[in-house]
């Protein structure tokens, strides 16, 4: 299984993946070594003709977390989030969210959670989960 995953991770679709993210059948793959530094890493991907933006961060409790770069309240402004230490800050309203709460708390101005899975040395996010957040973009 690990060899299959590694083989899939080298398949790129030109123009649709960002940085170390690779498109794999049914989703995207990001090497964990790229996102293990406690900093927010931002990605853009096209899924079924829709552009979707999200970020991934490893919180201090060693959990890899992912969220759309949008929320239920401020998404029409298309400003997303920026990082300040262990907090993600809404670039529209200024509310702060501790990184350990990403994927735990949802609704309001909290970063909208994005389902993800760690498989071996990679973070996998399925296209259907990305598409579910396309309404924000």
N, C-alpha and C. Protein backbone atom coordinates (compact mmCIF):
# COMPACT_ATOMS: atom_id res chain seq x y z
N UNK A 1 0.83 -1.20 0.00
CA UNK A 1 0.00 0.00 0.00
C UNK A 1 0.87 1.26 0.00
N UNK A 2 1.92 1.29 0.82
CA UNK A 2 2.77 2.47 0.89
C UNK A 2 3.43 2.74 -0.46
N UNK A 3 3.87 1.68 -1.16
CA UNK A 3 4.49 1.87 -2.46
C UNK A 3 3.49 2.42 -3.47
N UNK A 4 2.25 1.99 -3.39
CA UNK A 4 1.22 2.50 -4.29
C UNK A 4 0.99 3.97 -4.01
N UNK A 5 0.91 4.34 -2.73
CA UNK A 5 0.71 5.73 -2.36
C UNK A 5 1.86 6.59 -2.85
N UNK A 6 3.08 6.11 -2.68
CA UNK A 6 4.24 6.87 -3.15
C UNK A 6 4.19 7.05 -4.65
N UNK A 7 3.80 6.03 -5.38
CA UNK A 7 3.71 6.14 -6.83
C UNK A 7 2.64 7.15 -7.22
N UNK A 8 1.52 7.15 -6.52
CA UNK A 8 0.45 8.08 -6.83
C UNK A 8 0.84 9.52 -6.55
N UNK A 9 1.69 9.73 -5.57
CA UNK A 9 2.05 11.07 -5.15
C UNK A 9 2.92 11.79 -6.16
N UNK A 10 3.48 11.09 -7.12
CA UNK A 10 4.31 11.76 -8.11
C UNK A 10 3.50 12.17 -9.33
N UNK A 11 2.23 11.84 -9.36
CA UNK A 11 1.38 12.21 -10.48
C UNK A 11 0.92 13.65 -10.28
N UNK A 12 1.33 14.55 -11.15
CA UNK A 12 0.94 15.95 -11.06
C UNK A 12 0.07 16.33 -12.25
N UNK A 13 -0.87 17.20 -12.03
CA UNK A 13 -1.66 17.76 -13.10
C UNK A 13 -1.25 19.22 -13.21
N UNK A 14 -0.62 19.59 -14.29
CA UNK A 14 -0.06 20.93 -14.46
C UNK A 14 -1.09 22.01 -14.21
N UNK A 15 -0.68 23.02 -13.44
CA UNK A 15 -1.49 24.19 -13.23
C UNK A 15 -2.57 24.08 -12.17
N UNK A 16 -2.75 22.94 -11.56
CA UNK A 16 -3.84 22.83 -10.59
C UNK A 16 -3.36 22.59 -9.17
N UNK A 17 -2.12 22.23 -8.98
CA UNK A 17 -1.60 21.96 -7.64
C UNK A 17 -0.66 23.09 -7.23
N UNK A 18 -0.47 23.26 -5.94
CA UNK A 18 0.37 24.31 -5.39
C UNK A 18 1.52 23.70 -4.60
N UNK A 19 2.71 24.28 -4.72
CA UNK A 19 3.90 23.88 -3.96
C UNK A 19 4.11 22.37 -4.00
N UNK A 20 4.29 21.72 -2.84
CA UNK A 20 4.56 20.29 -2.77
C UNK A 20 3.33 19.42 -2.85
N UNK A 21 2.18 20.04 -3.05
CA UNK A 21 0.95 19.29 -3.16
C UNK A 21 0.91 18.60 -4.52
N UNK A 22 0.51 17.35 -4.52
CA UNK A 22 0.35 16.60 -5.76
C UNK A 22 -1.07 16.11 -5.87
N UNK A 23 -1.60 16.15 -7.08
CA UNK A 23 -2.92 15.58 -7.30
C UNK A 23 -2.75 14.08 -7.48
N UNK A 24 -3.59 13.35 -6.79
CA UNK A 24 -3.62 11.89 -6.89
C UNK A 24 -5.05 11.51 -7.23
N UNK A 25 -5.28 10.32 -7.74
CA UNK A 25 -6.65 9.93 -8.06
C UNK A 25 -7.59 10.14 -6.86
N UNK A 26 -8.60 10.97 -7.07
CA UNK A 26 -9.59 11.20 -6.03
C UNK A 26 -9.24 12.24 -4.99
N UNK A 27 -8.10 12.93 -5.15
CA UNK A 27 -7.76 13.94 -4.16
C UNK A 27 -6.39 14.54 -4.36
N UNK A 28 -5.86 15.09 -3.26
CA UNK A 28 -4.52 15.67 -3.27
C UNK A 28 -3.70 15.08 -2.13
N UNK A 29 -2.40 15.14 -2.30
CA UNK A 29 -1.46 14.59 -1.33
C UNK A 29 -0.41 15.66 -1.02
N UNK A 30 -0.08 15.81 0.26
CA UNK A 30 0.93 16.78 0.70
C UNK A 30 1.92 16.04 1.59
N UNK A 31 3.23 16.12 1.29
CA UNK A 31 4.21 15.46 2.15
C UNK A 31 4.19 16.07 3.56
N UNK A 32 4.15 15.21 4.57
CA UNK A 32 4.12 15.70 5.95
C UNK A 32 5.36 16.53 6.29
N UNK A 33 6.49 16.18 5.71
CA UNK A 33 7.72 16.93 6.00
C UNK A 33 7.60 18.39 5.59
N UNK A 34 6.69 18.68 4.67
CA UNK A 34 6.47 20.05 4.21
C UNK A 34 5.65 20.86 5.21
N UNK A 35 4.88 20.20 6.05
CA UNK A 35 3.92 20.92 6.91
C UNK A 35 4.14 20.66 8.40
N UNK A 36 5.30 20.15 8.76
CA UNK A 36 5.58 19.79 10.16
C UNK A 36 6.21 20.91 10.97
N UNK A 37 6.18 22.14 10.49
CA UNK A 37 6.93 23.21 11.15
C UNK A 37 6.09 24.16 12.00
N UNK A 38 4.80 23.90 12.16
CA UNK A 38 3.95 24.76 12.98
C UNK A 38 3.47 26.01 12.25
N UNK A 39 3.85 26.15 11.00
CA UNK A 39 3.40 27.30 10.21
C UNK A 39 2.23 26.90 9.32
N UNK A 40 1.37 27.85 9.06
CA UNK A 40 0.24 27.61 8.15
C UNK A 40 0.78 27.56 6.72
N UNK A 41 0.37 26.55 5.99
CA UNK A 41 0.75 26.39 4.58
C UNK A 41 -0.53 26.48 3.77
N UNK A 42 -0.50 27.35 2.77
CA UNK A 42 -1.70 27.64 1.98
C UNK A 42 -1.63 26.95 0.62
N UNK A 43 -2.78 26.45 0.18
CA UNK A 43 -2.87 25.72 -1.08
C UNK A 43 -4.10 26.14 -1.85
N UNK A 44 -3.99 26.09 -3.16
CA UNK A 44 -5.11 26.32 -4.06
C UNK A 44 -5.19 25.14 -5.00
N UNK A 45 -6.39 24.69 -5.26
CA UNK A 45 -6.58 23.55 -6.16
C UNK A 45 -7.89 23.74 -6.92
N UNK A 46 -7.92 23.26 -8.14
CA UNK A 46 -9.14 23.29 -8.91
C UNK A 46 -9.79 21.91 -8.83
N UNK A 47 -11.05 21.88 -8.41
CA UNK A 47 -11.79 20.62 -8.29
C UNK A 47 -13.09 20.79 -9.07
N UNK A 48 -13.29 19.95 -10.06
CA UNK A 48 -14.49 20.01 -10.89
C UNK A 48 -14.76 21.42 -11.40
N UNK A 49 -13.71 22.11 -11.83
CA UNK A 49 -13.85 23.44 -12.39
C UNK A 49 -13.98 24.56 -11.39
N UNK A 50 -13.88 24.25 -10.10
CA UNK A 50 -14.00 25.27 -9.06
C UNK A 50 -12.68 25.42 -8.32
N UNK A 51 -12.24 26.66 -8.13
CA UNK A 51 -11.03 26.92 -7.36
C UNK A 51 -11.35 26.88 -5.88
N UNK A 52 -10.52 26.16 -5.13
CA UNK A 52 -10.71 26.01 -3.69
C UNK A 52 -9.39 26.34 -3.00
N UNK A 53 -9.44 27.14 -1.95
CA UNK A 53 -8.26 27.50 -1.17
C UNK A 53 -8.39 26.92 0.23
N UNK A 54 -7.27 26.42 0.76
CA UNK A 54 -7.27 25.88 2.11
C UNK A 54 -5.88 26.04 2.72
N UNK A 55 -5.82 25.85 4.02
CA UNK A 55 -4.52 25.86 4.69
C UNK A 55 -4.40 24.62 5.56
N UNK A 56 -3.15 24.27 5.82
CA UNK A 56 -2.81 23.12 6.65
C UNK A 56 -1.81 23.62 7.69
N UNK A 57 -1.97 23.17 8.93
CA UNK A 57 -1.06 23.57 9.99
C UNK A 57 -0.90 22.42 10.98
N UNK A 58 0.30 22.25 11.49
CA UNK A 58 0.53 21.28 12.55
C UNK A 58 0.50 22.08 13.85
N UNK A 59 -0.49 21.80 14.69
CA UNK A 59 -0.63 22.53 15.95
C UNK A 59 0.34 21.99 17.00
N UNK A 60 0.47 22.71 18.09
CA UNK A 60 1.45 22.33 19.12
C UNK A 60 1.16 20.98 19.77
N UNK A 61 -0.08 20.48 19.61
CA UNK A 61 -0.41 19.15 20.13
C UNK A 61 -0.09 18.05 19.11
N UNK A 62 0.69 18.42 18.08
CA UNK A 62 1.18 17.51 17.04
C UNK A 62 0.09 16.92 16.15
N UNK A 63 -1.02 17.63 16.00
CA UNK A 63 -2.08 17.20 15.11
C UNK A 63 -1.98 18.02 13.83
N UNK A 64 -2.05 17.34 12.69
CA UNK A 64 -2.10 18.03 11.41
C UNK A 64 -3.55 18.43 11.18
N UNK A 65 -3.77 19.72 10.99
CA UNK A 65 -5.12 20.25 10.85
C UNK A 65 -5.27 20.92 9.50
N UNK A 66 -6.48 20.93 8.97
CA UNK A 66 -6.74 21.57 7.68
C UNK A 66 -8.08 22.29 7.74
N UNK A 67 -8.15 23.41 7.05
CA UNK A 67 -9.40 24.18 6.98
C UNK A 67 -9.42 24.96 5.68
N UNK A 68 -10.63 25.24 5.22
CA UNK A 68 -10.76 26.12 4.07
C UNK A 68 -10.29 27.50 4.49
N UNK A 69 -9.74 28.24 3.55
CA UNK A 69 -9.27 29.58 3.85
C UNK A 69 -10.46 30.54 3.79
N UNK A 70 -11.51 30.16 4.54
CA UNK A 70 -12.77 30.89 4.56
C UNK A 70 -13.61 30.42 5.75
N UNK A 71 -14.65 31.18 6.04
CA UNK A 71 -15.56 30.80 7.12
C UNK A 71 -16.99 31.07 6.71
N UNK A 72 -17.92 30.66 7.54
CA UNK A 72 -19.35 30.82 7.24
C UNK A 72 -19.78 32.28 7.21
N UNK A 73 -19.08 33.16 7.90
CA UNK A 73 -19.50 34.56 8.03
C UNK A 73 -18.79 35.47 7.02
N UNK A 74 -17.49 35.44 6.99
CA UNK A 74 -16.72 36.44 6.23
C UNK A 74 -16.32 35.99 4.82
N UNK A 75 -16.70 34.80 4.40
CA UNK A 75 -16.24 34.30 3.10
C UNK A 75 -16.57 35.21 1.92
N UNK A 76 -17.68 35.98 1.93
CA UNK A 76 -17.94 36.83 0.76
C UNK A 76 -16.82 37.85 0.50
N UNK A 77 -16.07 38.21 1.54
CA UNK A 77 -14.98 39.18 1.39
C UNK A 77 -13.73 38.57 0.76
N UNK A 78 -13.64 37.22 0.76
CA UNK A 78 -12.51 36.50 0.14
C UNK A 78 -11.15 36.94 0.69
N UNK A 79 -11.07 37.16 2.01
CA UNK A 79 -9.82 37.61 2.62
C UNK A 79 -9.06 36.50 3.34
N UNK A 80 -9.72 35.42 3.72
CA UNK A 80 -9.05 34.28 4.34
C UNK A 80 -8.46 34.59 5.70
N UNK A 81 -7.43 33.81 6.04
CA UNK A 81 -6.79 33.87 7.35
C UNK A 81 -5.30 34.07 7.21
N UNK A 82 -4.71 34.65 8.24
CA UNK A 82 -3.25 34.75 8.35
C UNK A 82 -2.87 34.18 9.71
N UNK A 83 -1.60 33.89 9.87
CA UNK A 83 -1.14 33.27 11.10
C UNK A 83 -0.36 34.28 11.94
N UNK A 84 -0.59 34.22 13.24
CA UNK A 84 0.19 34.98 14.21
C UNK A 84 0.50 34.04 15.36
N UNK A 85 1.71 33.50 15.39
CA UNK A 85 2.08 32.52 16.41
C UNK A 85 1.22 31.29 16.30
N UNK A 86 0.54 30.93 17.39
CA UNK A 86 -0.31 29.74 17.41
C UNK A 86 -1.76 30.05 17.04
N UNK A 87 -2.01 31.23 16.52
CA UNK A 87 -3.37 31.65 16.19
C UNK A 87 -3.52 31.89 14.70
N UNK A 88 -4.72 31.55 14.19
CA UNK A 88 -5.12 31.93 12.85
C UNK A 88 -6.06 33.11 13.02
N UNK A 89 -5.87 34.15 12.23
CA UNK A 89 -6.64 35.38 12.38
C UNK A 89 -7.43 35.64 11.10
N UNK A 90 -8.71 35.91 11.27
CA UNK A 90 -9.56 36.25 10.13
C UNK A 90 -9.10 37.60 9.60
N UNK A 91 -8.74 37.65 8.32
CA UNK A 91 -8.26 38.89 7.71
C UNK A 91 -9.38 39.90 7.45
N UNK A 92 -10.63 39.50 7.69
CA UNK A 92 -11.74 40.42 7.51
C UNK A 92 -12.18 41.04 8.83
N UNK A 93 -12.46 40.21 9.83
CA UNK A 93 -13.01 40.74 11.09
C UNK A 93 -12.00 40.76 12.24
N UNK A 94 -10.86 40.10 12.06
CA UNK A 94 -9.82 40.14 13.08
C UNK A 94 -9.95 39.13 14.21
N UNK A 95 -10.99 38.28 14.19
CA UNK A 95 -11.11 37.27 15.24
C UNK A 95 -9.94 36.30 15.17
N UNK A 96 -9.54 35.81 16.36
CA UNK A 96 -8.39 34.92 16.48
C UNK A 96 -8.86 33.52 16.90
N UNK A 97 -8.23 32.51 16.32
CA UNK A 97 -8.58 31.12 16.59
C UNK A 97 -7.31 30.33 16.86
N UNK A 98 -7.22 29.73 18.04
CA UNK A 98 -6.04 28.95 18.38
C UNK A 98 -5.94 27.75 17.45
N UNK A 99 -4.73 27.42 17.04
CA UNK A 99 -4.54 26.35 16.06
C UNK A 99 -5.05 24.99 16.55
N UNK A 100 -5.06 24.77 17.87
CA UNK A 100 -5.54 23.48 18.38
C UNK A 100 -7.05 23.34 18.25
N UNK A 101 -7.73 24.41 17.86
CA UNK A 101 -9.19 24.36 17.71
C UNK A 101 -9.62 24.18 16.25
N UNK A 102 -8.65 24.27 15.32
CA UNK A 102 -8.95 24.05 13.90
C UNK A 102 -9.40 22.60 13.75
N UNK A 103 -10.46 22.36 13.00
CA UNK A 103 -11.09 21.05 12.78
C UNK A 103 -11.89 20.58 14.00
N UNK A 104 -11.91 21.33 15.08
CA UNK A 104 -12.66 20.96 16.27
C UNK A 104 -13.90 21.83 16.39
N UNK A 105 -13.70 23.14 16.28
CA UNK A 105 -14.80 24.09 16.38
C UNK A 105 -15.16 24.56 14.98
N UNK A 106 -16.46 24.62 14.69
CA UNK A 106 -16.87 25.08 13.37
C UNK A 106 -18.04 26.03 13.50
N UNK A 107 -18.33 26.72 12.42
CA UNK A 107 -19.42 27.68 12.41
C UNK A 107 -18.93 29.07 12.75
N UNK A 108 -19.76 30.05 12.48
CA UNK A 108 -19.38 31.44 12.74
C UNK A 108 -18.17 31.82 11.92
N UNK A 109 -17.22 32.46 12.57
CA UNK A 109 -16.02 32.90 11.87
C UNK A 109 -14.86 31.91 12.04
N UNK A 110 -15.10 30.77 12.66
CA UNK A 110 -14.06 29.75 12.76
C UNK A 110 -13.69 29.28 11.36
N UNK A 111 -12.41 28.99 11.12
CA UNK A 111 -12.04 28.42 9.82
C UNK A 111 -12.87 27.17 9.56
N UNK A 112 -13.47 27.10 8.39
CA UNK A 112 -14.34 25.98 8.07
C UNK A 112 -13.52 24.69 7.95
N UNK A 113 -13.82 23.67 8.77
CA UNK A 113 -13.02 22.44 8.81
C UNK A 113 -12.97 21.72 7.46
N UNK A 114 -11.82 21.14 7.19
CA UNK A 114 -11.61 20.34 5.99
C UNK A 114 -11.16 18.95 6.42
N UNK A 115 -11.92 17.94 6.04
CA UNK A 115 -11.59 16.57 6.39
C UNK A 115 -10.28 16.18 5.73
N UNK A 116 -9.40 15.53 6.49
CA UNK A 116 -8.10 15.10 5.99
C UNK A 116 -7.72 13.80 6.66
N UNK A 117 -6.72 13.12 6.08
CA UNK A 117 -6.27 11.84 6.62
C UNK A 117 -4.77 11.73 6.43
N UNK A 118 -4.08 11.28 7.47
CA UNK A 118 -2.64 11.01 7.36
C UNK A 118 -2.49 9.56 6.91
N UNK A 119 -1.75 9.37 5.83
CA UNK A 119 -1.47 8.03 5.30
C UNK A 119 0.03 7.94 5.05
N UNK A 120 0.71 7.20 5.91
CA UNK A 120 2.17 7.11 5.79
C UNK A 120 2.81 8.46 6.01
N UNK A 121 3.57 8.92 5.03
CA UNK A 121 4.27 10.20 5.13
C UNK A 121 3.53 11.34 4.43
N UNK A 122 2.23 11.16 4.21
CA UNK A 122 1.46 12.13 3.44
C UNK A 122 0.15 12.48 4.11
N UNK A 123 -0.29 13.70 3.87
CA UNK A 123 -1.62 14.13 4.24
C UNK A 123 -2.46 14.02 2.98
N UNK A 124 -3.59 13.34 3.08
CA UNK A 124 -4.47 13.12 1.94
C UNK A 124 -5.78 13.87 2.17
N UNK A 125 -6.21 14.61 1.16
CA UNK A 125 -7.49 15.30 1.21
C UNK A 125 -8.25 14.90 -0.05
N UNK A 126 -9.45 14.39 0.15
CA UNK A 126 -10.24 13.88 -0.97
C UNK A 126 -10.92 15.03 -1.73
N UNK A 127 -11.06 14.84 -3.03
CA UNK A 127 -11.73 15.84 -3.87
C UNK A 127 -13.14 16.13 -3.38
N UNK A 128 -13.88 15.11 -2.95
CA UNK A 128 -15.25 15.35 -2.50
C UNK A 128 -15.27 16.25 -1.27
N UNK A 129 -14.25 16.17 -0.42
CA UNK A 129 -14.18 17.06 0.74
C UNK A 129 -13.81 18.47 0.33
N UNK A 130 -12.93 18.60 -0.66
CA UNK A 130 -12.58 19.92 -1.18
C UNK A 130 -13.79 20.55 -1.86
N UNK A 131 -14.50 19.77 -2.64
CA UNK A 131 -15.67 20.28 -3.35
C UNK A 131 -16.76 20.74 -2.39
N UNK A 132 -16.86 20.10 -1.23
CA UNK A 132 -17.87 20.48 -0.25
C UNK A 132 -17.67 21.93 0.24
N UNK A 133 -16.45 22.43 0.18
CA UNK A 133 -16.18 23.80 0.60
C UNK A 133 -16.11 24.80 -0.55
N UNK A 134 -16.38 24.35 -1.76
CA UNK A 134 -16.27 25.24 -2.91
C UNK A 134 -17.26 26.40 -2.84
N UNK A 135 -18.30 26.25 -2.05
CA UNK A 135 -19.31 27.33 -1.91
C UNK A 135 -18.70 28.62 -1.35
N UNK A 136 -17.56 28.48 -0.66
CA UNK A 136 -16.91 29.66 -0.08
C UNK A 136 -16.13 30.47 -1.10
N UNK A 137 -15.91 29.88 -2.27
CA UNK A 137 -15.04 30.53 -3.25
C UNK A 137 -15.76 30.83 -4.50
